[in-house]
């Protein structure tokens, strides 16, 4: 039951941080916190999947273990592991997104790090045409 209270408090804190970032107008930061909020929201689903795997591992590896004792033993580990797995995987996804954004910025930059801008006429369609 303790894990559920921690999960609810974590969800409330992450939701508050998401709303605060949106109100400040920090769209990128709000999106990052929103991604973490989705990860925390999906913890029960991940806990069910991890719990099933842990129960199967226990039933296969031990002789004579009943399903009830296997479920009872696997539940606390599955819930905490689900929270950790979801938050770590969301942060890995966010880091990959950050790396792709940096690569796009570097591709648009010149060799000396100064951003190369295309001419005004080419961007807007106004002015002399070639």
C-alpha atoms as a PDB file:
ATOM      1  CA  UNK A   1       0.000   0.000   0.000  1.00  0.00           C
ATOM      2  CA  UNK A   2       2.942   2.314   0.605  1.00  0.00           C
ATOM      3  CA  UNK A   3       3.913   2.139  -3.073  1.00  0.00           C
ATOM      4  CA  UNK A   4       0.455   3.393  -4.073  1.00  0.00           C
ATOM      5  CA  UNK A   5       0.789   6.464  -1.825  1.00  0.00           C
ATOM      6  CA  UNK A   6       4.251   7.140  -3.259  1.00  0.00           C
ATOM      7  CA  UNK A   7       2.868   6.715  -6.778  1.00  0.00           C
ATOM      8  CA  UNK A   8       0.011   9.151  -6.141  1.00  0.00           C
ATOM      9  CA  UNK A   9       2.340  11.732  -4.587  1.00  0.00           C
ATOM     10  CA  UNK A  10       4.805  11.335  -7.465  1.00  0.00           C
ATOM     11  CA  UNK A  11       1.984  11.789  -9.980  1.00  0.00           C
ATOM     12  CA  UNK A  12       0.735  14.941  -8.233  1.00  0.00           C
ATOM     13  CA  UNK A  13       4.219  16.486  -8.077  1.00  0.00           C
ATOM     14  CA  UNK A  14       4.986  15.738 -11.737  1.00  0.00           C
ATOM     15  CA  UNK A  15       1.550  17.042 -12.812  1.00  0.00           C
ATOM     16  CA  UNK A  16       2.140  20.258 -10.842  1.00  0.00           C
ATOM     17  CA  UNK A  17       5.556  20.710 -12.465  1.00  0.00           C
ATOM     18  CA  UNK A  18       3.993  20.174 -15.900  1.00  0.00           C
ATOM     19  CA  UNK A  19       1.294  22.780 -15.261  1.00  0.00           C
ATOM     20  CA  UNK A  20       3.813  25.242 -13.837  1.00  0.00           C
ATOM     21  CA  UNK A  21       6.011  24.927 -16.923  1.00  0.00           C
ATOM     22  CA  UNK A  22       3.004  25.436 -19.218  1.00  0.00           C
ATOM     23  CA  UNK A  23       1.881  28.531 -17.331  1.00  0.00           C
ATOM     24  CA  UNK A  24       5.374  30.017 -17.607  1.00  0.00           C
ATOM     25  CA  UNK A  25       5.318  29.390 -21.343  1.00  0.00           C
ATOM     26  CA  UNK A  26       8.219  26.917 -21.318  1.00  0.00           C
ATOM     27  CA  UNK A  27       6.805  24.577 -23.952  1.00  0.00           C
ATOM     28  CA  UNK A  28       9.823  22.307 -24.237  1.00  0.00           C
ATOM     29  CA  UNK A  29      10.113  21.869 -20.470  1.00  0.00           C
ATOM     30  CA  UNK A  30       6.355  21.260 -20.178  1.00  0.00           C
ATOM     31  CA  UNK A  31       6.602  18.565 -22.839  1.00  0.00           C
ATOM     32  CA  UNK A  32       9.436  16.880 -20.966  1.00  0.00           C
ATOM     33  CA  UNK A  33       7.486  16.893 -17.695  1.00  0.00           C
ATOM     34  CA  UNK A  34       4.402  15.702 -19.576  1.00  0.00           C
ATOM     35  CA  UNK A  35       6.376  12.737 -20.903  1.00  0.00           C
ATOM     36  CA  UNK A  36       7.415  11.860 -17.355  1.00  0.00           C
ATOM     37  CA  UNK A  37       3.786  12.245 -16.237  1.00  0.00           C
ATOM     38  CA  UNK A  38       2.725   9.672 -18.845  1.00  0.00           C
ATOM     39  CA  UNK A  39       5.451   7.355 -17.579  1.00  0.00           C
ATOM     40  CA  UNK A  40       4.201   7.648 -13.995  1.00  0.00           C
ATOM     41  CA  UNK A  41       0.599   7.177 -15.155  1.00  0.00           C
ATOM     42  CA  UNK A  42       1.487   3.902 -16.872  1.00  0.00           C
ATOM     43  CA  UNK A  43       3.233   2.413 -13.815  1.00  0.00           C
ATOM     44  CA  UNK A  44       0.298   0.097 -12.898  1.00  0.00           C
ATOM     45  CA  UNK A  45       0.275  -1.382 -16.408  1.00  0.00           C
ATOM     46  CA  UNK A  46       4.027  -1.964 -16.309  1.00  0.00           C
ATOM     47  CA  UNK A  47       3.719  -3.402 -12.794  1.00  0.00           C
ATOM     48  CA  UNK A  48       1.206  -5.976 -14.042  1.00  0.00           C
ATOM     49  CA  UNK A  49       3.505  -7.028 -16.859  1.00  0.00           C
ATOM     50  CA  UNK A  50       6.595  -7.177 -14.654  1.00  0.00           C
ATOM     51  CA  UNK A  51       4.626  -8.945 -11.924  1.00  0.00           C
ATOM     52  CA  UNK A  52       3.533 -11.635 -14.348  1.00  0.00           C
ATOM     53  CA  UNK A  53       7.116 -12.157 -15.478  1.00  0.00           C
ATOM     54  CA  UNK A  54       8.407 -12.310 -11.902  1.00  0.00           C
ATOM     55  CA  UNK A  55       5.687 -14.799 -10.895  1.00  0.00           C
ATOM     56  CA  UNK A  56       6.483 -17.019 -13.884  1.00  0.00           C
ATOM     57  CA  UNK A  57      10.188 -16.926 -13.062  1.00  0.00           C
ATOM     58  CA  UNK A  58       9.454 -17.919  -9.468  1.00  0.00           C
ATOM     59  CA  UNK A  59       7.107 -20.727 -10.462  1.00  0.00           C
ATOM     60  CA  UNK A  60       9.598 -22.169 -12.931  1.00  0.00           C
ATOM     61  CA  UNK A  61      12.660 -21.816 -10.723  1.00  0.00           C
ATOM     62  CA  UNK A  62      11.227 -23.160  -7.444  1.00  0.00           C
ATOM     63  CA  UNK A  63       9.721 -26.562  -6.843  1.00  0.00           C
ATOM     64  CA  UNK A  64       6.383 -26.684  -5.093  1.00  0.00           C
ATOM     65  CA  UNK A  65       5.814 -22.929  -4.853  1.00  0.00           C
ATOM     66  CA  UNK A  66       2.163 -22.040  -5.063  1.00  0.00           C
ATOM     67  CA  UNK A  67       0.923 -19.217  -7.217  1.00  0.00           C
ATOM     68  CA  UNK A  68      -0.363 -17.293  -4.184  1.00  0.00           C
ATOM     69  CA  UNK A  69       3.030 -17.196  -2.499  1.00  0.00           C
ATOM     70  CA  UNK A  70       4.719 -16.310  -5.784  1.00  0.00           C
ATOM     71  CA  UNK A  71       2.330 -13.405  -6.366  1.00  0.00           C
ATOM     72  CA  UNK A  72       2.740 -12.217  -2.782  1.00  0.00           C
ATOM     73  CA  UNK A  73       6.510 -12.281  -3.096  1.00  0.00           C
ATOM     74  CA  UNK A  74       6.631 -10.607  -6.528  1.00  0.00           C
ATOM     75  CA  UNK A  75       4.191  -7.738  -5.956  1.00  0.00           C
ATOM     76  CA  UNK A  76       6.442  -5.302  -4.025  1.00  0.00           C
ATOM     77  CA  UNK A  77       9.352  -5.817  -6.399  1.00  0.00           C
ATOM     78  CA  UNK A  78       7.161  -5.418  -9.483  1.00  0.00           C
ATOM     79  CA  UNK A  79       5.655  -2.136  -8.332  1.00  0.00           C
ATOM     80  CA  UNK A  80       8.896  -0.404  -7.416  1.00  0.00           C
ATOM     81  CA  UNK A  81      10.654  -1.843 -10.458  1.00  0.00           C
ATOM     82  CA  UNK A  82       7.847  -0.575 -12.705  1.00  0.00           C
ATOM     83  CA  UNK A  83       8.252   2.975 -11.415  1.00  0.00           C
ATOM     84  CA  UNK A  84      12.003   2.851 -11.967  1.00  0.00           C
ATOM     85  CA  UNK A  85      11.736   1.254 -15.425  1.00  0.00           C
ATOM     86  CA  UNK A  86       9.161   3.774 -16.650  1.00  0.00           C
ATOM     87  CA  UNK A  87      11.045   6.829 -15.416  1.00  0.00           C
ATOM     88  CA  UNK A  88      14.397   5.619 -16.724  1.00  0.00           C
ATOM     89  CA  UNK A  89      12.944   4.691 -20.120  1.00  0.00           C
ATOM     90  CA  UNK A  90      11.206   8.075 -20.444  1.00  0.00           C
ATOM     91  CA  UNK A  91      14.447   9.887 -19.601  1.00  0.00           C
ATOM     92  CA  UNK A  92      16.330   7.785 -22.158  1.00  0.00           C
ATOM     93  CA  UNK A  93      13.730   8.707 -24.767  1.00  0.00           C
ATOM     94  CA  UNK A  94      14.001  12.386 -23.822  1.00  0.00           C
ATOM     95  CA  UNK A  95      17.800  12.290 -24.080  1.00  0.00           C
ATOM     96  CA  UNK A  96      17.545  10.765 -27.542  1.00  0.00           C
ATOM     97  CA  UNK A  97      15.151  13.530 -28.543  1.00  0.00           C
ATOM     98  CA  UNK A  98      17.598  16.130 -27.221  1.00  0.00           C
ATOM     99  CA  UNK A  99      20.478  14.566 -29.157  1.00  0.00           C
ATOM    100  CA  UNK A 100      18.456  14.618 -32.385  1.00  0.00           C
ATOM    101  CA  UNK A 101      17.598  18.289 -31.838  1.00  0.00           C
ATOM    102  CA  UNK A 102      21.289  19.140 -31.302  1.00  0.00           C
ATOM    103  CA  UNK A 103      22.217  17.237 -34.454  1.00  0.00           C
ATOM    104  CA  UNK A 104      19.634  19.207 -36.464  1.00  0.00           C
ATOM    105  CA  UNK A 105      21.021  22.462 -35.084  1.00  0.00           C
ATOM    106  CA  UNK A 106      24.584  21.462 -35.980  1.00  0.00           C
ATOM    107  CA  UNK A 107      23.489  20.472 -39.474  1.00  0.00           C
ATOM    108  CA  UNK A 108      22.016  23.940 -39.988  1.00  0.00           C
ATOM    109  CA  UNK A 109      25.127  25.649 -38.620  1.00  0.00           C
ATOM    110  CA  UNK A 110      28.229  26.521 -40.557  1.00  0.00           C
ATOM    111  CA  UNK A 111      31.637  24.967 -39.968  1.00  0.00           C
ATOM    112  CA  UNK A 112      32.577  27.657 -37.453  1.00  0.00           C
ATOM    113  CA  UNK A 113      29.362  27.261 -35.446  1.00  0.00           C
ATOM    114  CA  UNK A 114      27.664  30.341 -36.880  1.00  0.00           C
ATOM    115  CA  UNK A 115      24.188  29.618 -38.110  1.00  0.00           C
ATOM    116  CA  UNK A 116      23.768  30.015 -41.841  1.00  0.00           C
ATOM    117  CA  UNK A 117      20.552  31.802 -42.789  1.00  0.00           C
ATOM    118  CA  UNK A 118      18.895  31.431 -46.123  1.00  0.00           C
ATOM    119  CA  UNK A 119      18.077  34.619 -48.013  1.00  0.00           C
ATOM    120  CA  UNK A 120      14.854  36.439 -47.173  1.00  0.00           C
ATOM    121  CA  UNK A 121      13.513  36.062 -50.695  1.00  0.00           C
ATOM    122  CA  UNK A 122      14.001  32.285 -50.664  1.00  0.00           C
ATOM    123  CA  UNK A 123      12.184  31.904 -47.347  1.00  0.00           C
ATOM    124  CA  UNK A 124       9.190  34.101 -48.040  1.00  0.00           C
ATOM    125  CA  UNK A 125       8.859  34.000 -51.785  1.00  0.00           C
ATOM    126  CA  UNK A 126       9.065  37.823 -51.881  1.00  0.00           C
ATOM    127  CA  UNK A 127      11.606  39.635 -53.995  1.00  0.00           C
ATOM    128  CA  UNK A 128      13.451  38.819 -57.203  1.00  0.00           C
ATOM    129  CA  UNK A 129      13.188  35.247 -58.391  1.00  0.00           C
ATOM    130  CA  UNK A 130      15.972  33.342 -60.064  1.00  0.00           C
END
